[in-house]
Amino acid sequence: MGQAGQSQGRSSRSNNLVVPQANAALQQLKYEAAQELGVTIPQDGYYGNYTSRETGSLGGYITKRLVQLAEQQLSGRTGM
């Protein structure tokens, strides 16, 4: 059996980007969301000292913005 938190034969990171070139835009979105929510992004990338509320609100906000951007693109509108 694999270790807790890891699937056998897989890395512990499962959020690989389908379009790697989108990484910079996603990072920018993450920092904007964190700033709006008052959550400080850890410099080392470790979120273990954050509450579920903080990380959940950040993830939820990012998802909401991504859905809004996709809806705008699908409807033919540009801009944010």
PDB file of N, CA and C in Angstrom:
ATOM      1  N   MET A   1       0.825  -1.184   0.000  1.00  0.00           N
ATOM      2  CA  MET A   1       0.000   0.000   0.000  1.00  0.00           C
ATOM      3  C   MET A   1       0.861   1.237   0.000  1.00  0.00           C
ATOM      4  N   GLY A   2       0.312   2.316  -0.574  1.00  0.00           N
ATOM      5  CA  GLY A   2       1.027   3.588  -0.597  1.00  0.00           C
ATOM      6  C   GLY A   2       0.945   4.296   0.738  1.00  0.00           C
ATOM      7  N   GLN A   3       1.733   5.324   0.876  1.00  0.00           N
ATOM      8  CA  GLN A   3       1.721   6.119   2.092  1.00  0.00           C
ATOM      9  C   GLN A   3       0.443   6.933   2.162  1.00  0.00           C
ATOM     10  N   ALA A   4       0.076   7.330   3.367  1.00  0.00           N
ATOM     11  CA  ALA A   4      -1.118   8.150   3.535  1.00  0.00           C
ATOM     12  C   ALA A   4      -0.970   9.422   2.715  1.00  0.00           C
ATOM     13  N   GLY A   5      -2.047   9.788   2.005  1.00  0.00           N
ATOM     14  CA  GLY A   5      -2.025  11.013   1.218  1.00  0.00           C
ATOM     15  C   GLY A   5      -1.446  10.846  -0.179  1.00  0.00           C
ATOM     16  N   GLN A   6      -0.937   9.656  -0.496  1.00  0.00           N
ATOM     17  CA  GLN A   6      -0.372   9.434  -1.821  1.00  0.00           C
ATOM     18  C   GLN A   6      -0.960   8.181  -2.429  1.00  0.00           C
ATOM     19  N   SER A   7      -1.252   8.220  -3.700  1.00  0.00           N
ATOM     20  CA  SER A   7      -1.662   7.037  -4.432  1.00  0.00           C
ATOM     21  C   SER A   7      -0.415   6.304  -4.875  1.00  0.00           C
ATOM     22  N   GLN A   8      -0.518   5.012  -4.994  1.00  0.00           N
ATOM     23  CA  GLN A   8       0.645   4.260  -5.446  1.00  0.00           C
ATOM     24  C   GLN A   8       1.031   4.671  -6.848  1.00  0.00           C
ATOM     25  N   GLY A   9       2.313   4.870  -7.062  1.00  0.00           N
ATOM     26  CA  GLY A   9       2.827   5.182  -8.384  1.00  0.00           C
ATOM     27  C   GLY A   9       2.580   6.602  -8.839  1.00  0.00           C
ATOM     28  N   ARG A  10       2.080   7.437  -7.997  1.00  0.00           N
ATOM     29  CA  ARG A  10       1.808   8.821  -8.382  1.00  0.00           C
ATOM     30  C   ARG A  10       2.535   9.763  -7.442  1.00  0.00           C
ATOM     31  N   SER A  11       2.813  10.948  -7.943  1.00  0.00           N
ATOM     32  CA  SER A  11       3.422  11.958  -7.089  1.00  0.00           C
ATOM     33  C   SER A  11       2.348  12.509  -6.164  1.00  0.00           C
ATOM     34  N   SER A  12       2.769  13.199  -5.135  1.00  0.00           N
ATOM     35  CA  SER A  12       1.805  13.763  -4.192  1.00  0.00           C
ATOM     36  C   SER A  12       1.074  14.964  -4.777  1.00  0.00           C
ATOM     37  N   ARG A  13       1.523  15.481  -5.872  1.00  0.00           N
ATOM     38  CA  ARG A  13       0.874  16.630  -6.500  1.00  0.00           C
ATOM     39  C   ARG A  13       0.022  16.161  -7.669  1.00  0.00           C
ATOM     40  N   SER A  14      -1.268  16.399  -7.568  1.00  0.00           N
ATOM     41  CA  SER A  14      -2.168  15.921  -8.615  1.00  0.00           C
ATOM     42  C   SER A  14      -2.788  17.038  -9.428  1.00  0.00           C
ATOM     43  N   ASN A  15      -2.400  18.271  -9.169  1.00  0.00           N
ATOM     44  CA  ASN A  15      -3.016  19.389  -9.888  1.00  0.00           C
ATOM     45  C   ASN A  15      -2.141  19.881 -11.033  1.00  0.00           C
ATOM     46  N   ASN A  16      -1.733  18.964 -11.882  1.00  0.00           N
ATOM     47  CA  ASN A  16      -0.932  19.334 -13.045  1.00  0.00           C
ATOM     48  C   ASN A  16      -1.812  20.088 -14.038  1.00  0.00           C
ATOM     49  N   LEU A  17      -1.251  21.122 -14.633  1.00  0.00           N
ATOM     50  CA  LEU A  17      -1.992  21.939 -15.575  1.00  0.00           C
ATOM     51  C   LEU A  17      -2.109  21.249 -16.926  1.00  0.00           C
ATOM     52  N   VAL A  18      -3.286  21.349 -17.519  1.00  0.00           N
ATOM     53  CA  VAL A  18      -3.489  20.830 -18.873  1.00  0.00           C
ATOM     54  C   VAL A  18      -2.750  21.717 -19.860  1.00  0.00           C
ATOM     55  N   VAL A  19      -2.747  23.030 -19.597  1.00  0.00           N
ATOM     56  CA  VAL A  19      -2.043  24.000 -20.425  1.00  0.00           C
ATOM     57  C   VAL A  19      -0.972  24.651 -19.552  1.00  0.00           C
ATOM     58  N   PRO A  20       0.260  24.105 -19.553  1.00  0.00           N
ATOM     59  CA  PRO A  20       1.310  24.635 -18.681  1.00  0.00           C
ATOM     60  C   PRO A  20       1.585  26.122 -18.870  1.00  0.00           C
ATOM     61  N   GLN A  21       1.319  26.658 -20.053  1.00  0.00           N
ATOM     62  CA  GLN A  21       1.557  28.074 -20.306  1.00  0.00           C
ATOM     63  C   GLN A  21       0.618  28.960 -19.488  1.00  0.00           C
ATOM     64  N   ALA A  22      -0.426  28.394 -18.927  1.00  0.00           N
ATOM     65  CA  ALA A  22      -1.382  29.161 -18.134  1.00  0.00           C
ATOM     66  C   ALA A  22      -0.893  29.372 -16.701  1.00  0.00           C
ATOM     67  N   ASN A  23       0.229  28.802 -16.335  1.00  0.00           N
ATOM     68  CA  ASN A  23       0.718  28.872 -14.962  1.00  0.00           C
ATOM     69  C   ASN A  23       0.871  30.301 -14.456  1.00  0.00           C
ATOM     70  N   ALA A  24       1.461  31.183 -15.244  1.00  0.00           N
ATOM     71  CA  ALA A  24       1.673  32.561 -14.801  1.00  0.00           C
ATOM     72  C   ALA A  24       0.339  33.263 -14.536  1.00  0.00           C
ATOM     73  N   ALA A  25      -0.633  33.057 -15.398  1.00  0.00           N
ATOM     74  CA  ALA A  25      -1.945  33.684 -15.218  1.00  0.00           C
ATOM     75  C   ALA A  25      -2.639  33.137 -13.977  1.00  0.00           C
ATOM     76  N   LEU A  26      -2.516  31.839 -13.733  1.00  0.00           N
ATOM     77  CA  LEU A  26      -3.118  31.242 -12.545  1.00  0.00           C
ATOM     78  C   LEU A  26      -2.448  31.725 -11.265  1.00  0.00           C
ATOM     79  N   GLN A  27      -1.139  31.889 -11.305  1.00  0.00           N
ATOM     80  CA  GLN A  27      -0.426  32.416 -10.135  1.00  0.00           C
ATOM     81  C   GLN A  27      -0.873  33.847  -9.848  1.00  0.00           C
ATOM     82  N   GLN A  28      -1.025  34.641 -10.888  1.00  0.00           N
ATOM     83  CA  GLN A  28      -1.488  36.015 -10.721  1.00  0.00           C
ATOM     84  C   GLN A  28      -2.891  36.028 -10.122  1.00  0.00           C
ATOM     85  N   LEU A  29      -3.764  35.159 -10.609  1.00  0.00           N
ATOM     86  CA  LEU A  29      -5.123  35.059 -10.091  1.00  0.00           C
ATOM     87  C   LEU A  29      -5.104  34.662  -8.619  1.00  0.00           C
ATOM     88  N   LYS A  30      -4.215  33.743  -8.260  1.00  0.00           N
ATOM     89  CA  LYS A  30      -4.102  33.317  -6.864  1.00  0.00           C
ATOM     90  C   LYS A  30      -3.693  34.475  -5.965  1.00  0.00           C
ATOM     91  N   TYR A  31      -2.721  35.262  -6.386  1.00  0.00           N
ATOM     92  CA  TYR A  31      -2.272  36.393  -5.577  1.00  0.00           C
ATOM     93  C   TYR A  31      -3.348  37.479  -5.479  1.00  0.00           C
ATOM     94  N   GLU A  32      -4.073  37.719  -6.564  1.00  0.00           N
ATOM     95  CA  GLU A  32      -5.160  38.695  -6.525  1.00  0.00           C
ATOM     96  C   GLU A  32      -6.258  38.243  -5.571  1.00  0.00           C
ATOM     97  N   ALA A  33      -6.617  36.966  -5.653  1.00  0.00           N
ATOM     98  CA  ALA A  33      -7.653  36.421  -4.775  1.00  0.00           C
ATOM     99  C   ALA A  33      -7.222  36.506  -3.323  1.00  0.00           C
ATOM    100  N   ALA A  34      -5.991  36.145  -3.043  1.00  0.00           N
ATOM    101  CA  ALA A  34      -5.484  36.195  -1.671  1.00  0.00           C
ATOM    102  C   ALA A  34      -5.513  37.619  -1.134  1.00  0.00           C
ATOM    103  N   GLN A  35      -5.144  38.567  -1.953  1.00  0.00           N
ATOM    104  CA  GLN A  35      -5.142  39.962  -1.535  1.00  0.00           C
ATOM    105  C   GLN A  35      -6.563  40.426  -1.216  1.00  0.00           C
ATOM    106  N   GLU A  36      -7.521  40.071  -2.063  1.00  0.00           N
ATOM    107  CA  GLU A  36      -8.902  40.473  -1.829  1.00  0.00           C
ATOM    108  C   GLU A  36      -9.478  39.830  -0.571  1.00  0.00           C
ATOM    109  N   LEU A  37      -9.045  38.602  -0.268  1.00  0.00           N
ATOM    110  CA  LEU A  37      -9.567  37.889   0.895  1.00  0.00           C
ATOM    111  C   LEU A  37      -8.756  38.137   2.158  1.00  0.00           C
ATOM    112  N   GLY A  38      -7.628  38.823   2.026  1.00  0.00           N
ATOM    113  CA  GLY A  38      -6.792  39.089   3.192  1.00  0.00           C
ATOM    114  C   GLY A  38      -5.989  37.881   3.655  1.00  0.00           C
ATOM    115  N   VAL A  39      -5.704  36.967   2.739  1.00  0.00           N
ATOM    116  CA  VAL A  39      -4.912  35.773   3.044  1.00  0.00           C
ATOM    117  C   VAL A  39      -3.514  35.974   2.474  1.00  0.00           C
ATOM    118  N   THR A  40      -2.495  35.745   3.286  1.00  0.00           N
ATOM    119  CA  THR A  40      -1.121  35.889   2.829  1.00  0.00           C
ATOM    120  C   THR A  40      -0.649  34.569   2.226  1.00  0.00           C
ATOM    121  N   ILE A  41      -0.123  34.617   1.012  1.00  0.00           N
ATOM    122  CA  ILE A  41       0.410  33.431   0.358  1.00  0.00           C
ATOM    123  C   ILE A  41       1.771  33.116   0.983  1.00  0.00           C
ATOM    124  N   PRO A  42       1.974  31.870   1.444  1.00  0.00           N
ATOM    125  CA  PRO A  42       3.272  31.538   2.038  1.00  0.00           C
ATOM    126  C   PRO A  42       4.379  31.533   0.988  1.00  0.00           C
ATOM    127  N   GLN A  43       5.505  32.148   1.310  1.00  0.00           N
ATOM    128  CA  GLN A  43       6.625  32.231   0.372  1.00  0.00           C
ATOM    129  C   GLN A  43       7.173  30.855   0.004  1.00  0.00           C
ATOM    130  N   ASP A  44       7.127  29.911   0.945  1.00  0.00           N
ATOM    131  CA  ASP A  44       7.670  28.577   0.684  1.00  0.00           C
ATOM    132  C   ASP A  44       6.648  27.619   0.067  1.00  0.00           C
ATOM    133  N   GLY A  45       5.399  28.086  -0.108  1.00  0.00           N
ATOM    134  CA  GLY A  45       4.376  27.248  -0.720  1.00  0.00           C
ATOM    135  C   GLY A  45       3.729  26.259   0.223  1.00  0.00           C
ATOM    136  N   TYR A  46       4.078  26.298   1.508  1.00  0.00           N
ATOM    137  CA  TYR A  46       3.533  25.360   2.487  1.00  0.00           C
ATOM    138  C   TYR A  46       2.305  25.974   3.148  1.00  0.00           C
ATOM    139  N   TYR A  47       1.163  25.322   2.988  1.00  0.00           N
ATOM    140  CA  TYR A  47      -0.089  25.835   3.534  1.00  0.00           C
ATOM    141  C   TYR A  47      -0.503  25.116   4.818  1.00  0.00           C
ATOM    142  N   GLY A  48       0.372  24.320   5.398  1.00  0.00           N
ATOM    143  CA  GLY A  48       0.045  23.534   6.581  1.00  0.00           C
ATOM    144  C   GLY A  48      -0.304  24.349   7.802  1.00  0.00           C
ATOM    145  N   ASN A  49       0.126  25.597   7.855  1.00  0.00           N
ATOM    146  CA  ASN A  49      -0.174  26.444   9.006  1.00  0.00           C
ATOM    147  C   ASN A  49      -1.437  27.283   8.799  1.00  0.00           C
ATOM    148  N   TYR A  50      -2.140  27.050   7.711  1.00  0.00           N
ATOM    149  CA  TYR A  50      -3.344  27.799   7.410  1.00  0.00           C
ATOM    150  C   TYR A  50      -4.568  26.980   7.800  1.00  0.00           C
ATOM    151  N   THR A  51      -5.651  27.677   8.120  1.00  0.00           N
ATOM    152  CA  THR A  51      -6.884  26.979   8.467  1.00  0.00           C
ATOM    153  C   THR A  51      -7.581  26.504   7.199  1.00  0.00           C
ATOM    154  N   SER A  52      -8.468  25.546   7.378  1.00  0.00           N
ATOM    155  CA  SER A  52      -9.266  25.070   6.250  1.00  0.00           C
ATOM    156  C   SER A  52     -10.122  26.197   5.696  1.00  0.00           C
ATOM    157  N   ARG A  53     -10.568  27.079   6.569  1.00  0.00           N
ATOM    158  CA  ARG A  53     -11.380  28.215   6.132  1.00  0.00           C
ATOM    159  C   ARG A  53     -10.579  29.120   5.197  1.00  0.00           C
ATOM    160  N   GLU A  54      -9.317  29.382   5.547  1.00  0.00           N
ATOM    161  CA  GLU A  54      -8.482  30.260   4.718  1.00  0.00           C
ATOM    162  C   GLU A  54      -8.201  29.629   3.360  1.00  0.00           C
ATOM    163  N   THR A  55      -7.744  28.395   3.362  1.00  0.00           N
ATOM    164  CA  THR A  55      -7.415  27.752   2.088  1.00  0.00           C
ATOM    165  C   THR A  55      -8.663  27.451   1.273  1.00  0.00           C
ATOM    166  N   GLY A  56      -9.750  27.093   1.956  1.00  0.00           N
ATOM    167  CA  GLY A  56     -10.999  26.810   1.255  1.00  0.00           C
ATOM    168  C   GLY A  56     -11.587  28.049   0.610  1.00  0.00           C
ATOM    169  N   SER A  57     -11.523  29.171   1.334  1.00  0.00           N
ATOM    170  CA  SER A  57     -12.061  30.406   0.761  1.00  0.00           C
ATOM    171  C   SER A  57     -11.222  30.852  -0.428  1.00  0.00           C
ATOM    172  N   LEU A  58      -9.925  30.655  -0.338  1.00  0.00           N
ATOM    173  CA  LEU A  58      -9.038  31.014  -1.445  1.00  0.00           C
ATOM    174  C   LEU A  58      -9.328  30.131  -2.661  1.00  0.00           C
ATOM    175  N   GLY A  59      -9.413  28.837  -2.461  1.00  0.00           N
ATOM    176  CA  GLY A  59      -9.715  27.924  -3.566  1.00  0.00           C
ATOM    177  C   GLY A  59     -11.087  28.171  -4.170  1.00  0.00           C
ATOM    178  N   GLY A  60     -12.068  28.445  -3.312  1.00  0.00           N
ATOM    179  CA  GLY A  60     -13.417  28.726  -3.791  1.00  0.00           C
ATOM    180  C   GLY A  60     -13.479  29.998  -4.607  1.00  0.00           C
ATOM    181  N   TYR A  61     -12.768  31.014  -4.144  1.00  0.00           N
ATOM    182  CA  TYR A  61     -12.746  32.293  -4.862  1.00  0.00           C
ATOM    183  C   TYR A  61     -12.084  32.122  -6.230  1.00  0.00           C
ATOM    184  N   ILE A  62     -10.981  31.395  -6.268  1.00  0.00           N
ATOM    185  CA  ILE A  62     -10.281  31.167  -7.539  1.00  0.00           C
ATOM    186  C   ILE A  62     -11.195  30.407  -8.499  1.00  0.00           C
ATOM    187  N   THR A  63     -11.876  29.386  -8.009  1.00  0.00           N
ATOM    188  CA  THR A  63     -12.784  28.613  -8.852  1.00  0.00           C
ATOM    189  C   THR A  63     -13.900  29.500  -9.391  1.00  0.00           C
ATOM    190  N   LYS A  64     -14.453  30.333  -8.532  1.00  0.00           N
ATOM    191  CA  LYS A  64     -15.510  31.256  -8.950  1.00  0.00           C
ATOM    192  C   LYS A  64     -15.024  32.171 -10.071  1.00  0.00           C
ATOM    193  N   ARG A  65     -13.832  32.725  -9.919  1.00  0.00           N
ATOM    194  CA  ARG A  65     -13.279  33.620 -10.943  1.00  0.00           C
ATOM    195  C   ARG A  65     -13.010  32.869 -12.247  1.00  0.00           C
ATOM    196  N   LEU A  66     -12.501  31.641 -12.152  1.00  0.00           N
ATOM    197  CA  LEU A  66     -12.240  30.855 -13.365  1.00  0.00           C
ATOM    198  C   LEU A  66     -13.535  30.555 -14.110  1.00  0.00           C
ATOM    199  N   VAL A  67     -14.600  30.259 -13.378  1.00  0.00           N
ATOM    200  CA  VAL A  67     -15.896  30.011 -14.012  1.00  0.00           C
ATOM    201  C   VAL A  67     -16.392  31.291 -14.677  1.00  0.00           C
ATOM    202  N   GLN A  68     -16.252  32.438 -13.999  1.00  0.00           N
ATOM    203  CA  GLN A  68     -16.667  33.707 -14.594  1.00  0.00           C
ATOM    204  C   GLN A  68     -15.899  33.995 -15.882  1.00  0.00           C
ATOM    205  N   LEU A  69     -14.589  33.759 -15.851  1.00  0.00           N
ATOM    206  CA  LEU A  69     -13.770  33.996 -17.044  1.00  0.00           C
ATOM    207  C   LEU A  69     -14.186  33.073 -18.188  1.00  0.00           C
ATOM    208  N   ALA A  70     -14.468  31.812 -17.875  1.00  0.00           N
ATOM    209  CA  ALA A  70     -14.892  30.863 -18.907  1.00  0.00           C
ATOM    210  C   ALA A  70     -16.244  31.264 -19.486  1.00  0.00           C
ATOM    211  N   GLU A  71     -17.169  31.701 -18.627  1.00  0.00           N
ATOM    212  CA  GLU A  71     -18.476  32.141 -19.104  1.00  0.00           C
ATOM    213  C   GLU A  71     -18.350  33.353 -20.021  1.00  0.00           C
ATOM    214  N   GLN A  72     -17.466  34.288 -19.650  1.00  0.00           N
ATOM    215  CA  GLN A  72     -17.246  35.459 -20.492  1.00  0.00           C
ATOM    216  C   GLN A  72     -16.686  35.054 -21.847  1.00  0.00           C
ATOM    217  N   GLN A  73     -15.745  34.126 -21.818  1.00  0.00           N
ATOM    218  CA  GLN A  73     -15.138  33.679 -23.077  1.00  0.00           C
ATOM    219  C   GLN A  73     -16.156  32.971 -23.954  1.00  0.00           C
ATOM    220  N   LEU A  74     -16.976  32.133 -23.345  1.00  0.00           N
ATOM    221  CA  LEU A  74     -17.978  31.403 -24.115  1.00  0.00           C
ATOM    222  C   LEU A  74     -19.057  32.323 -24.682  1.00  0.00           C
ATOM    223  N   SER A  75     -19.350  33.395 -23.977  1.00  0.00           N
ATOM    224  CA  SER A  75     -20.387  34.315 -24.463  1.00  0.00           C
ATOM    225  C   SER A  75     -19.815  35.338 -25.444  1.00  0.00           C
ATOM    226  N   GLY A  76     -18.494  35.315 -25.646  1.00  0.00           N
ATOM    227  CA  GLY A  76     -17.872  36.215 -26.608  1.00  0.00           C
ATOM    228  C   GLY A  76     -17.454  37.540 -26.032  1.00  0.00           C
ATOM    229  N   ARG A  77     -17.648  37.737 -24.713  1.00  0.00           N
ATOM    230  CA  ARG A  77     -17.225  38.988 -24.088  1.00  0.00           C
ATOM    231  C   ARG A  77     -15.749  38.882 -23.749  1.00  0.00           C
ATOM    232  N   THR A  78     -15.084  40.022 -23.753  1.00  0.00           N
ATOM    233  CA  THR A  78     -13.685  40.072 -23.368  1.00  0.00           C
ATOM    234  C   THR A  78     -13.533  40.972 -22.172  1.00  0.00           C
ATOM    235  N   GLY A  79     -12.405  40.891 -21.526  1.00  0.00           N
ATOM    236  CA  GLY A  79     -12.150  41.722 -20.343  1.00  0.00           C
ATOM    237  C   GLY A  79     -12.634  41.035 -19.095  1.00  0.00           C
ATOM    238  N   MET A  80     -12.371  41.668 -17.945  1.00  0.00           N
ATOM    239  CA  MET A  80     -12.780  41.078 -16.681  1.00  0.00           C
ATOM    240  C   MET A  80     -13.857  41.860 -16.022  1.00  0.00           C
TER     241      MET A  80
END
